[in-house]
Protein backbone atom coordinates (compact mmCIF):
# COMPACT_ATOMS: atom_id res chain seq x y z
CA UNK A 1 15.91 -36.04 35.86
CA UNK A 2 12.59 -35.24 34.45
CA UNK A 3 11.27 -31.67 33.54
CA UNK A 4 7.46 -31.68 33.95
CA UNK A 5 5.85 -28.95 31.80
CA UNK A 6 2.51 -27.73 33.02
CA UNK A 7 0.91 -27.81 29.51
CA UNK A 8 -2.13 -29.81 28.97
CA UNK A 9 -1.64 -32.39 26.00
CA UNK A 10 -4.97 -30.76 24.79
CA UNK A 11 -3.16 -27.32 24.27
CA UNK A 12 -3.08 -26.20 20.59
CA UNK A 13 -5.30 -29.22 19.35
CA UNK A 14 -4.89 -28.14 15.78
CA UNK A 15 -1.05 -28.36 15.82
CA UNK A 16 0.46 -31.41 14.40
CA UNK A 17 3.52 -32.73 12.25
CA UNK A 18 3.80 -29.40 10.05
CA UNK A 19 3.62 -27.08 13.01
CA UNK A 20 6.31 -29.12 14.82
CA UNK A 21 8.66 -29.21 12.14
CA UNK A 22 8.08 -25.49 11.44
CA UNK A 23 9.02 -24.54 15.03
CA UNK A 24 12.11 -26.85 15.00
CA UNK A 25 13.30 -25.18 11.82
CA UNK A 26 12.45 -21.84 12.78
CA UNK A 27 14.66 -21.98 15.85
CA UNK A 28 17.45 -23.50 13.88
CA UNK A 29 17.05 -20.72 11.33
CA UNK A 30 17.58 -18.05 14.02
CA UNK A 31 20.42 -19.84 15.35
CA UNK A 32 22.10 -19.82 11.97
CA UNK A 33 21.53 -15.96 11.95
CA UNK A 34 23.60 -16.02 15.29
CA UNK A 35 26.32 -17.59 13.52
CA UNK A 36 25.62 -21.13 14.19
CA UNK A 37 25.63 -23.14 11.08
CA UNK A 38 22.53 -25.07 10.45
CA UNK A 39 22.12 -28.55 8.79
CA UNK A 40 19.01 -30.16 7.88
CA UNK A 41 18.89 -33.87 6.62
CA UNK A 42 16.08 -36.22 5.78
CA UNK A 43 16.98 -39.98 5.64
CA UNK A 44 14.31 -42.88 5.63
CA UNK A 45 11.47 -41.62 7.76
CA UNK A 46 13.72 -39.46 10.15
CA UNK A 47 14.33 -35.57 9.86
CA UNK A 48 17.30 -34.18 11.72
CA UNK A 49 17.63 -30.37 12.28
CA UNK A 50 20.98 -29.24 14.01
CA UNK A 51 22.97 -26.02 14.78
CA UNK A 52 26.65 -26.12 15.54
CA UNK A 53 28.07 -24.58 18.75
CA UNK A 54 24.73 -24.41 20.49
CA UNK A 55 24.14 -25.24 24.26
CA UNK A 56 20.59 -24.24 25.68
CA UNK A 57 19.75 -23.80 29.34
CA UNK A 58 17.07 -26.15 30.61
CA UNK A 59 14.95 -22.84 31.40
CA UNK A 60 14.09 -22.91 27.83
CA UNK A 61 11.38 -25.22 28.93
CA UNK A 62 9.72 -22.54 30.82
CA UNK A 63 6.57 -21.49 28.86
CA UNK A 64 7.05 -17.87 27.75
CA UNK A 65 10.82 -18.00 28.16
CA UNK A 66 12.63 -16.38 25.11
CA UNK A 67 15.55 -14.20 24.20
CA UNK A 68 13.79 -13.22 20.96
CA UNK A 69 11.19 -10.64 22.24
CA UNK A 70 11.55 -7.39 20.33
CA UNK A 71 14.04 -8.68 17.88
CA UNK A 72 13.29 -8.02 14.10
CA UNK A 73 15.72 -10.31 12.90
CA UNK A 74 14.63 -13.55 14.60
CA UNK A 75 11.38 -15.19 13.60
CA UNK A 76 10.41 -16.55 17.09
CA UNK A 77 8.70 -14.13 19.58
CA UNK A 78 6.44 -15.85 21.73
CA UNK A 79 8.76 -18.06 23.80
CA UNK A 80 6.34 -21.07 22.85
CA UNK A 81 7.79 -22.30 19.84
CA UNK A 82 10.08 -25.25 21.15
CA UNK A 83 7.65 -26.29 23.70
CA UNK A 84 4.59 -26.63 21.74
CA UNK A 85 6.26 -27.72 18.65
CA UNK A 86 7.73 -30.69 20.70
CA UNK A 87 4.28 -31.41 22.21
CA UNK A 88 2.52 -31.30 18.70
CA UNK A 89 5.16 -33.80 17.41
CA UNK A 90 4.99 -36.11 20.53
CA UNK A 91 1.11 -35.96 20.70
CA UNK A 92 0.87 -36.85 16.89
CA UNK A 93 3.08 -39.91 17.38
CA UNK A 94 6.34 -38.66 15.99
CA UNK A 95 9.07 -39.52 18.55
CA UNK A 96 11.55 -36.67 19.21
CA UNK A 97 15.03 -36.96 20.40
CA UNK A 98 17.15 -33.76 21.35
CA UNK A 99 21.00 -33.37 21.79
CA UNK A 100 21.78 -30.40 23.80
CA UNK A 101 25.60 -30.48 23.55
CA UNK A 102 26.31 -32.63 26.71
CA UNK A 103 22.68 -33.57 27.58
CA UNK A 104 20.15 -35.69 25.89
CA UNK A 105 16.48 -34.68 26.07
CA UNK A 106 13.74 -37.09 25.47
CA UNK A 107 10.11 -35.73 25.30
CA UNK A 108 7.29 -37.78 26.22
CA UNK A 109 3.62 -37.65 27.34
CA UNK A 110 2.67 -39.25 30.78
CA UNK A 111 0.60 -38.59 33.93
CA UNK A 112 1.66 -35.60 35.89
CA UNK A 113 2.98 -35.98 39.33
CA UNK A 114 1.59 -32.66 40.43
CA UNK A 115 -1.79 -33.14 38.78
CA UNK A 116 -2.70 -36.82 39.23
CA UNK A 117 -4.83 -38.02 36.38
CA UNK A 118 -3.67 -35.54 33.93
CA UNK A 119 -1.05 -36.27 31.17
CA UNK A 120 1.49 -33.47 30.43
CA UNK A 121 4.57 -33.18 28.36
CA UNK A 122 7.62 -34.28 30.13
CA UNK A 123 11.47 -33.88 29.27
CA UNK A 124 13.34 -36.90 30.36
CA UNK A 125 17.04 -35.66 30.72
CA UNK A 126 20.56 -37.15 31.22
CA UNK A 127 24.13 -36.27 30.70
CA UNK A 128 26.32 -37.40 27.86
CA UNK A 129 29.44 -36.87 26.02
CA UNK A 130 29.58 -33.15 24.74
CA UNK A 131 28.83 -32.81 20.96
CA UNK A 132 28.96 -29.12 20.73
CA UNK A 133 25.64 -28.85 18.77
CA UNK A 134 22.00 -28.71 19.22
CA UNK A 135 20.06 -31.22 17.20
CA UNK A 136 16.44 -32.32 16.99
CA UNK A 137 15.71 -35.65 15.40
CA UNK A 138 11.92 -36.38 14.39
CA UNK A 139 10.90 -39.74 13.44
CA UNK A 140 8.01 -40.94 11.47
CA UNK A 141 8.51 -38.13 8.71
CA UNK A 142 7.89 -39.90 5.37
CA UNK A 143 9.52 -38.77 2.10
CA UNK A 144 6.13 -37.17 0.95
CA UNK A 145 5.61 -35.50 4.44
CA UNK A 146 9.13 -34.00 4.10
CA UNK A 147 8.48 -32.90 0.31
CA UNK A 148 5.30 -31.03 1.32
CA UNK A 149 6.93 -29.47 4.43
CA UNK A 150 9.86 -28.24 2.60
CA UNK A 151 7.99 -26.38 0.09
CA UNK A 152 6.88 -24.02 3.22
CA UNK A 153 10.54 -22.92 3.75
CA UNK A 154 11.31 -20.27 1.04
CA UNK A 155 14.79 -20.20 2.10
CA UNK A 156 15.50 -23.73 1.04
CA UNK A 157 14.80 -22.89 -2.74
CA UNK A 158 16.86 -20.66 -4.84
CA UNK A 159 15.59 -18.39 -7.59
CA UNK A 160 12.21 -18.13 -6.63
CA UNK A 161 11.70 -14.79 -8.06
CA UNK A 162 12.79 -11.17 -7.65
CA UNK A 163 14.65 -9.96 -4.65
CA UNK A 164 14.05 -6.72 -3.52
CA UNK A 165 15.96 -5.73 -0.18
CA UNK A 166 15.19 -8.43 2.20
CA UNK A 167 11.86 -9.24 0.64
CA UNK A 168 11.28 -11.57 -2.29
CA UNK A 169 8.64 -11.46 -5.01
CA UNK A 170 8.02 -15.20 -5.80
CA UNK A 171 6.92 -15.58 -9.35
CA UNK A 172 6.92 -19.36 -9.47
CA UNK A 173 3.23 -20.44 -10.17
CA UNK A 174 3.76 -23.09 -7.55
CA UNK A 175 3.76 -20.49 -4.95
CA UNK A 176 1.05 -18.26 -6.16
CA UNK A 177 -0.89 -16.70 -3.31
CA UNK A 178 1.50 -18.08 -0.65
CA UNK A 179 2.64 -15.64 2.02
CA UNK A 180 6.04 -16.28 3.99
CA UNK A 181 7.38 -14.30 6.96
CA UNK A 182 11.17 -14.41 7.01
CA UNK A 183 11.27 -17.46 4.75
CA UNK A 184 8.42 -19.49 6.71
CA UNK A 185 5.09 -20.24 5.23
CA UNK A 186 2.18 -18.38 7.04
CA UNK A 187 -0.95 -18.42 4.83
CA UNK A 188 -2.29 -18.67 1.31
CA UNK A 189 -4.69 -16.16 -0.13
CA UNK A 190 -6.28 -17.13 -3.35
CA UNK A 191 -7.07 -13.55 -4.20
CA UNK A 192 -3.40 -12.67 -4.39
CA UNK A 193 -1.70 -13.41 -7.58
CA UNK A 194 1.88 -13.92 -6.66
CA UNK A 195 3.67 -15.24 -3.88
CA UNK A 196 5.80 -13.27 -1.17
CA UNK A 197 8.25 -13.51 1.20
CA UNK A 198 8.07 -10.51 3.41
CA UNK A 199 10.71 -9.50 6.32
CA UNK A 200 8.81 -7.14 8.45
CA UNK A 201 5.20 -8.58 8.57
CA UNK A 202 3.88 -9.46 11.85
CA UNK A 203 1.99 -12.95 12.39
CA UNK A 204 -0.16 -14.29 15.05
CA UNK A 205 1.36 -16.94 17.72
CA UNK A 206 0.22 -19.82 15.44
CA UNK A 207 1.77 -18.24 12.24
CA UNK A 208 -1.53 -18.97 10.50
CA UNK A 209 -2.42 -15.32 9.81
CA UNK A 210 -0.59 -12.13 8.86
CA UNK A 211 -2.04 -8.82 9.92
CA UNK A 212 -3.73 -7.60 6.63
CA UNK A 213 -2.57 -3.98 6.75
CA UNK A 214 1.20 -4.97 7.27
CA UNK A 215 0.77 -7.86 4.70
CA UNK A 216 -0.72 -5.56 1.91
CA UNK A 217 1.60 -2.61 2.65
CA UNK A 218 4.58 -4.92 2.46
CA UNK A 219 3.32 -6.46 -0.80
CA UNK A 220 2.79 -2.89 -2.27
CA UNK A 221 6.23 -1.84 -1.15
CA UNK A 222 7.93 -4.84 -2.78
CA UNK A 223 5.97 -4.49 -6.10
CA UNK A 224 6.88 -0.75 -6.18
CA UNK A 225 10.44 -1.26 -5.72
CA UNK A 226 10.69 -3.88 -8.11
CA UNK A 227 8.69 -1.83 -10.76
CA UNK A 228 11.09 1.15 -10.24
CA UNK A 229 14.15 -1.17 -10.82
CA UNK A 230 12.74 -3.02 -13.83
CA UNK A 231 10.41 -1.60 -16.38
CA UNK A 232 9.87 -4.98 -17.96
CA UNK A 233 8.52 -6.05 -14.64
CA UNK A 234 6.22 -3.09 -14.53
CA UNK A 235 4.81 -3.97 -18.02
CA UNK A 236 4.54 -7.64 -17.86
CA UNK A 237 3.51 -8.03 -14.13
CA UNK A 238 2.50 -4.97 -12.22
CA UNK A 239 0.42 -3.37 -14.96
CA UNK A 240 -1.82 -6.40 -15.69
CA UNK A 241 -2.27 -6.56 -12.02
CA UNK A 242 -3.40 -3.04 -11.87
CA UNK A 243 -5.82 -3.74 -14.88
CA UNK A 244 -7.23 -6.69 -13.15
CA UNK A 245 -7.53 -5.20 -9.55
CA UNK A 246 -5.63 -7.94 -8.02
CA UNK A 247 -5.41 -8.02 -4.12
CA UNK A 248 -1.73 -7.53 -4.37
CA UNK A 249 -2.20 -4.05 -5.69
CA UNK A 250 -4.76 -2.72 -2.88
CA UNK A 251 -2.20 -0.48 -1.40
CA UNK A 252 -0.06 0.16 -4.47
CA UNK A 253 -1.34 3.93 -4.69
CA UNK A 254 0.06 4.70 -1.37
CA UNK A 255 3.73 3.57 -2.14
CA UNK A 256 3.75 4.78 -5.99
CA UNK A 257 5.91 7.81 -6.70
CA UNK A 258 5.48 10.22 -9.60
CA UNK A 259 8.13 8.57 -11.85
CA UNK A 260 6.57 5.18 -11.61
CA UNK A 261 3.14 6.59 -12.07
CA UNK A 262 4.39 8.35 -15.21
CA UNK A 263 5.74 5.10 -16.73
CA UNK A 264 2.27 3.20 -15.87
CA UNK A 265 0.44 6.20 -17.43
CA UNK A 266 2.65 6.01 -20.48
CA UNK A 267 1.73 2.19 -21.00
CA UNK A 268 -2.07 3.18 -20.42
CA UNK A 269 -1.80 5.63 -23.36
CA UNK A 270 -0.10 3.40 -25.37
CA UNK A 271 -2.91 0.83 -25.10
CA UNK A 272 -5.81 3.24 -25.11
CA UNK A 273 -4.79 6.34 -27.01
CA UNK A 274 -3.25 9.84 -25.92
CA UNK A 275 -6.93 11.10 -25.10
CA UNK A 276 -7.81 8.08 -22.87
CA UNK A 277 -8.75 8.92 -19.16
CA UNK A 278 -9.81 6.35 -16.48
CA UNK A 279 -13.12 6.32 -14.91
CA UNK A 280 -14.88 4.05 -12.11
CA UNK A 281 -18.43 4.57 -12.85
CA UNK A 282 -21.06 5.77 -15.42
CA UNK A 283 -21.27 9.31 -13.55
CA UNK A 284 -17.49 9.85 -14.05
CA UNK A 285 -17.87 8.61 -17.64
CA UNK A 286 -20.43 11.19 -18.27
CA UNK A 287 -18.24 14.09 -16.96
CA UNK A 288 -15.18 12.84 -18.73
CA UNK A 289 -16.87 12.20 -22.31
CA UNK A 290 -18.16 15.85 -21.96
CA UNK A 291 -14.70 16.98 -21.93
CA UNK A 292 -13.84 15.07 -25.13
CA UNK A 293 -11.90 12.38 -23.41
CA UNK A 294 -12.03 8.63 -24.40
CA UNK A 295 -13.50 6.92 -21.45
CA UNK A 296 -11.58 3.77 -20.05
CA UNK A 297 -13.15 1.85 -17.04
CA UNK A 298 -10.75 0.98 -14.31
CA UNK A 299 -10.88 0.01 -10.80
CA UNK A 300 -10.23 2.67 -8.08
CA UNK A 301 -6.45 1.79 -7.35
CA UNK A 302 -5.76 1.86 -10.90
CA UNK A 303 -7.53 5.00 -11.47
CA UNK A 304 -5.61 6.65 -8.41
CA UNK A 305 -2.24 5.67 -9.56
CA UNK A 306 -2.93 6.93 -13.28
CA UNK A 307 -4.15 10.28 -11.84
CA UNK A 308 -0.94 10.96 -10.24
CA UNK A 309 0.10 11.75 -13.65
CA UNK A 310 -2.92 12.64 -15.66
CA UNK A 311 -4.56 14.62 -12.87
CA UNK A 312 -8.06 14.18 -11.32
CA UNK A 313 -11.30 14.36 -12.97
CA UNK A 314 -12.00 17.37 -10.63
CA UNK A 315 -8.94 19.18 -11.72
CA UNK A 316 -9.55 18.35 -15.34
CA UNK A 317 -13.11 19.53 -15.06
CA UNK A 318 -12.15 22.72 -13.48
CA UNK A 319 -9.52 23.51 -16.21
CA UNK A 320 -12.14 22.40 -18.85
CA UNK A 321 -14.80 24.68 -17.42
CA UNK A 322 -12.45 27.65 -17.62
CA UNK A 323 -11.79 27.08 -21.25
CA UNK A 324 -13.03 29.74 -23.56
CA UNK A 325 -12.98 31.20 -26.96
CA UNK A 326 -12.20 34.90 -27.54
CA UNK A 327 -15.08 36.76 -29.34
CA UNK A 328 -13.98 39.27 -31.95
CA UNK A 329 -15.55 42.84 -31.71
CA UNK A 330 -17.11 42.18 -34.92
CA UNK A 331 -19.12 39.64 -33.49
CA UNK A 332 -20.92 41.77 -30.71
CA UNK A 333 -24.28 43.18 -31.43
CA UNK A 334 -24.83 46.90 -30.82
CA UNK A 335 -26.45 46.63 -27.23
CA UNK A 336 -23.41 44.43 -26.23
CA UNK A 337 -20.68 46.76 -27.64
CA UNK A 338 -22.66 49.87 -26.07
CA UNK A 339 -23.09 48.13 -22.60
CA UNK A 340 -19.37 47.09 -22.70
CA UNK A 341 -18.17 50.60 -23.26
CA UNK A 342 -20.38 52.12 -20.62
CA UNK A 343 -19.37 49.59 -18.17
CA UNK A 344 -15.70 49.97 -18.64
CA UNK A 345 -15.86 53.82 -18.78
CA UNK A 346 -17.49 53.88 -15.37
CA UNK A 347 -15.51 51.39 -13.70
CA UNK A 348 -12.27 52.82 -15.22
CA UNK A 349 -13.20 56.28 -13.82
CA UNK A 350 -14.21 55.04 -10.45
CA UNK A 351 -11.02 53.29 -9.87
CA UNK A 352 -8.74 55.80 -11.40
CA UNK A 353 -7.79 56.84 -7.74
CA UNK A 354 -5.82 53.62 -7.32
CA UNK A 355 -4.38 53.45 -10.94
CA UNK A 356 -6.65 50.51 -11.77
CA UNK A 357 -8.15 49.96 -15.34
CA UNK A 358 -10.10 47.26 -16.80
CA UNK A 359 -10.55 48.42 -20.64
CA UNK A 360 -6.95 48.07 -21.32
CA UNK A 361 -6.86 44.35 -20.41
CA UNK A 362 -10.12 42.97 -21.21
CA UNK A 363 -11.18 40.15 -23.59
CA UNK A 364 -14.73 39.16 -24.23
CA UNK A 365 -15.02 35.31 -24.61
CA UNK A 366 -17.46 32.38 -24.78
CA UNK A 367 -16.74 29.92 -22.02
CA UNK A 368 -17.07 26.20 -22.34
CA UNK A 369 -19.03 26.13 -19.07
CA UNK A 370 -22.24 28.19 -19.23
CA UNK A 371 -22.07 29.36 -15.44
CA UNK A 372 -18.67 30.97 -15.90
CA UNK A 373 -19.32 34.73 -15.68
CA UNK A 374 -15.53 35.74 -15.73
CA UNK A 375 -11.89 34.95 -15.12
CA UNK A 376 -8.87 36.55 -13.77
CA UNK A 377 -5.85 35.14 -15.87
CA UNK A 378 -2.45 36.39 -15.39
CA UNK A 379 -3.48 39.99 -15.07
CA UNK A 380 -6.00 39.84 -17.83
CA UNK A 381 -9.89 40.12 -17.39
CA UNK A 382 -11.76 37.52 -19.52
CA UNK A 383 -15.46 38.43 -19.34
CA UNK A 384 -18.26 36.07 -20.58
CA UNK A 385 -20.29 37.41 -23.76
CA UNK A 386 -23.35 36.41 -21.73
CA UNK A 387 -22.77 39.26 -19.32
CA UNK A 388 -23.06 41.90 -21.86
CA UNK A 389 -26.67 42.13 -22.13
CA UNK A 390 -27.04 42.99 -18.38
CA UNK A 391 -25.37 46.19 -17.05
CA UNK A 392 -25.57 45.26 -13.48
CA UNK A 393 -24.00 41.63 -14.01
CA UNK A 394 -21.35 43.21 -16.21
CA UNK A 395 -20.20 45.66 -13.84
CA UNK A 396 -20.21 43.34 -10.93
CA UNK A 397 -18.20 40.76 -12.91
CA UNK A 398 -15.70 43.43 -13.94
CA UNK A 399 -15.26 44.65 -10.30
CA UNK A 400 -14.91 41.05 -9.01
CA UNK A 401 -12.22 40.16 -11.42
CA UNK A 402 -10.12 43.18 -11.05
CA UNK A 403 -10.14 42.82 -7.42
CA UNK A 404 -8.38 39.49 -7.96
CA UNK A 405 -5.33 41.45 -8.40
CA UNK A 406 -5.33 41.63 -4.53
CA UNK A 407 -6.45 38.10 -3.61
CA UNK A 408 -8.24 34.76 -4.37
CA UNK A 409 -11.92 33.99 -4.24
CA UNK A 410 -13.29 34.15 -0.75
CA UNK A 411 -10.02 35.99 0.66
CA UNK A 412 -10.21 38.95 2.98
CA UNK A 413 -8.36 41.26 0.70
CA UNK A 414 -10.46 40.16 -2.39
CA UNK A 415 -13.66 40.79 -0.49
CA UNK A 416 -12.37 44.06 0.84
CA UNK A 417 -11.33 45.52 -2.41
CA UNK A 418 -14.71 44.49 -4.17
CA UNK A 419 -16.45 46.43 -1.43
CA UNK A 420 -14.18 49.40 -1.82
CA UNK A 421 -14.37 49.30 -5.65
CA UNK A 422 -18.19 49.14 -5.66
CA UNK A 423 -18.44 51.96 -3.11
CA UNK A 424 -16.29 54.08 -5.57
CA UNK A 425 -18.50 53.25 -8.31
CA UNK A 426 -21.67 54.38 -6.17
CA UNK A 427 -20.02 57.53 -5.19
CA UNK A 428 -19.15 58.57 -8.59
CA UNK A 429 -22.88 57.81 -9.75
CA UNK A 430 -24.03 59.83 -6.87
CA UNK A 431 -21.86 62.90 -7.71
CA UNK A 432 -23.06 62.36 -11.30
CA UNK A 433 -26.74 62.76 -10.27
């Protein structure tokens, strides 16, 4: 009996020996995952791949027919691997023979009976003695061919690197930049420093491309997990990649927890000093230097990871701008002392109705940042020395800060209290008229 597949021999023209071997071993590996022992042997110019206890229905030759759709365990998904793999091998001049338990399948390319003048893949079948296995034999596979192909199956090699769950970070330099999905080679990216065998990434039908977001997220998750489990790996591998801005760490920040960030920040400080701070450009460097920090230029991802522990430039700048030095009374001139006394007297008397007072919790200070007029800090009022020469500004600052006892800047309660307190001051002044 012959099964004629309605697949043009020109379909997937770029597929050849590697793709045919890949699809054959992929199916066998999936069979092994279902409990059918896999055996791969290469002798002379013949490669044999088999699974024990497997019998497939002839419907497997239907394009799109598969039992693997939706499975995150098995490698095949599209229902095309066996068909297209056999087509690629036969077309490339590598004879294929298949033992399917009690059947023999012999793929060949010949003219279609349904479509005269067109060559298609045909499977000649005949019955034989049951052998309780599914075995694919591929001829014309030289030793060098097999040596090259076998490197593309990560599961055929032991101790490739660091195992993190189902994933493997491959540290062997031979595999640098090589990406595997469930143990089978997908692509090489020269911008990626290490090799990775990832379980959950999706690939296209031709298994030549991995979806970039899933790839980089999978790489980042594997690196983070390995770094969390081994500080030496963090110091010797992850930290240098962060410094270099390797593509491996592109999504690292989104997976990095606080504890790992602290370890990385500790390494950063040990190399650059306790006062070091990461910046990405000259603008940030200007701001950071102004705050007395030592500038270290980094890439954005490295900066984000470090700032989880060190704090952001914005937060540091805000904290710095509110830094101040108290000014002793003896350092105030006559005008400043007089204005401060009068303003406190006026505000205290106006707010006596609600029990508020400013004079008993007031500190005069010089702020690092010139545009800071005052500060509400834990119930204490800090007023800038620069305000003491302008009575209206001084009263406004005192009222603004004492109103913070009822809410933060811009809140309804803060605005309401400012209006109420200023009204009381105007009322008091009117009565004194």
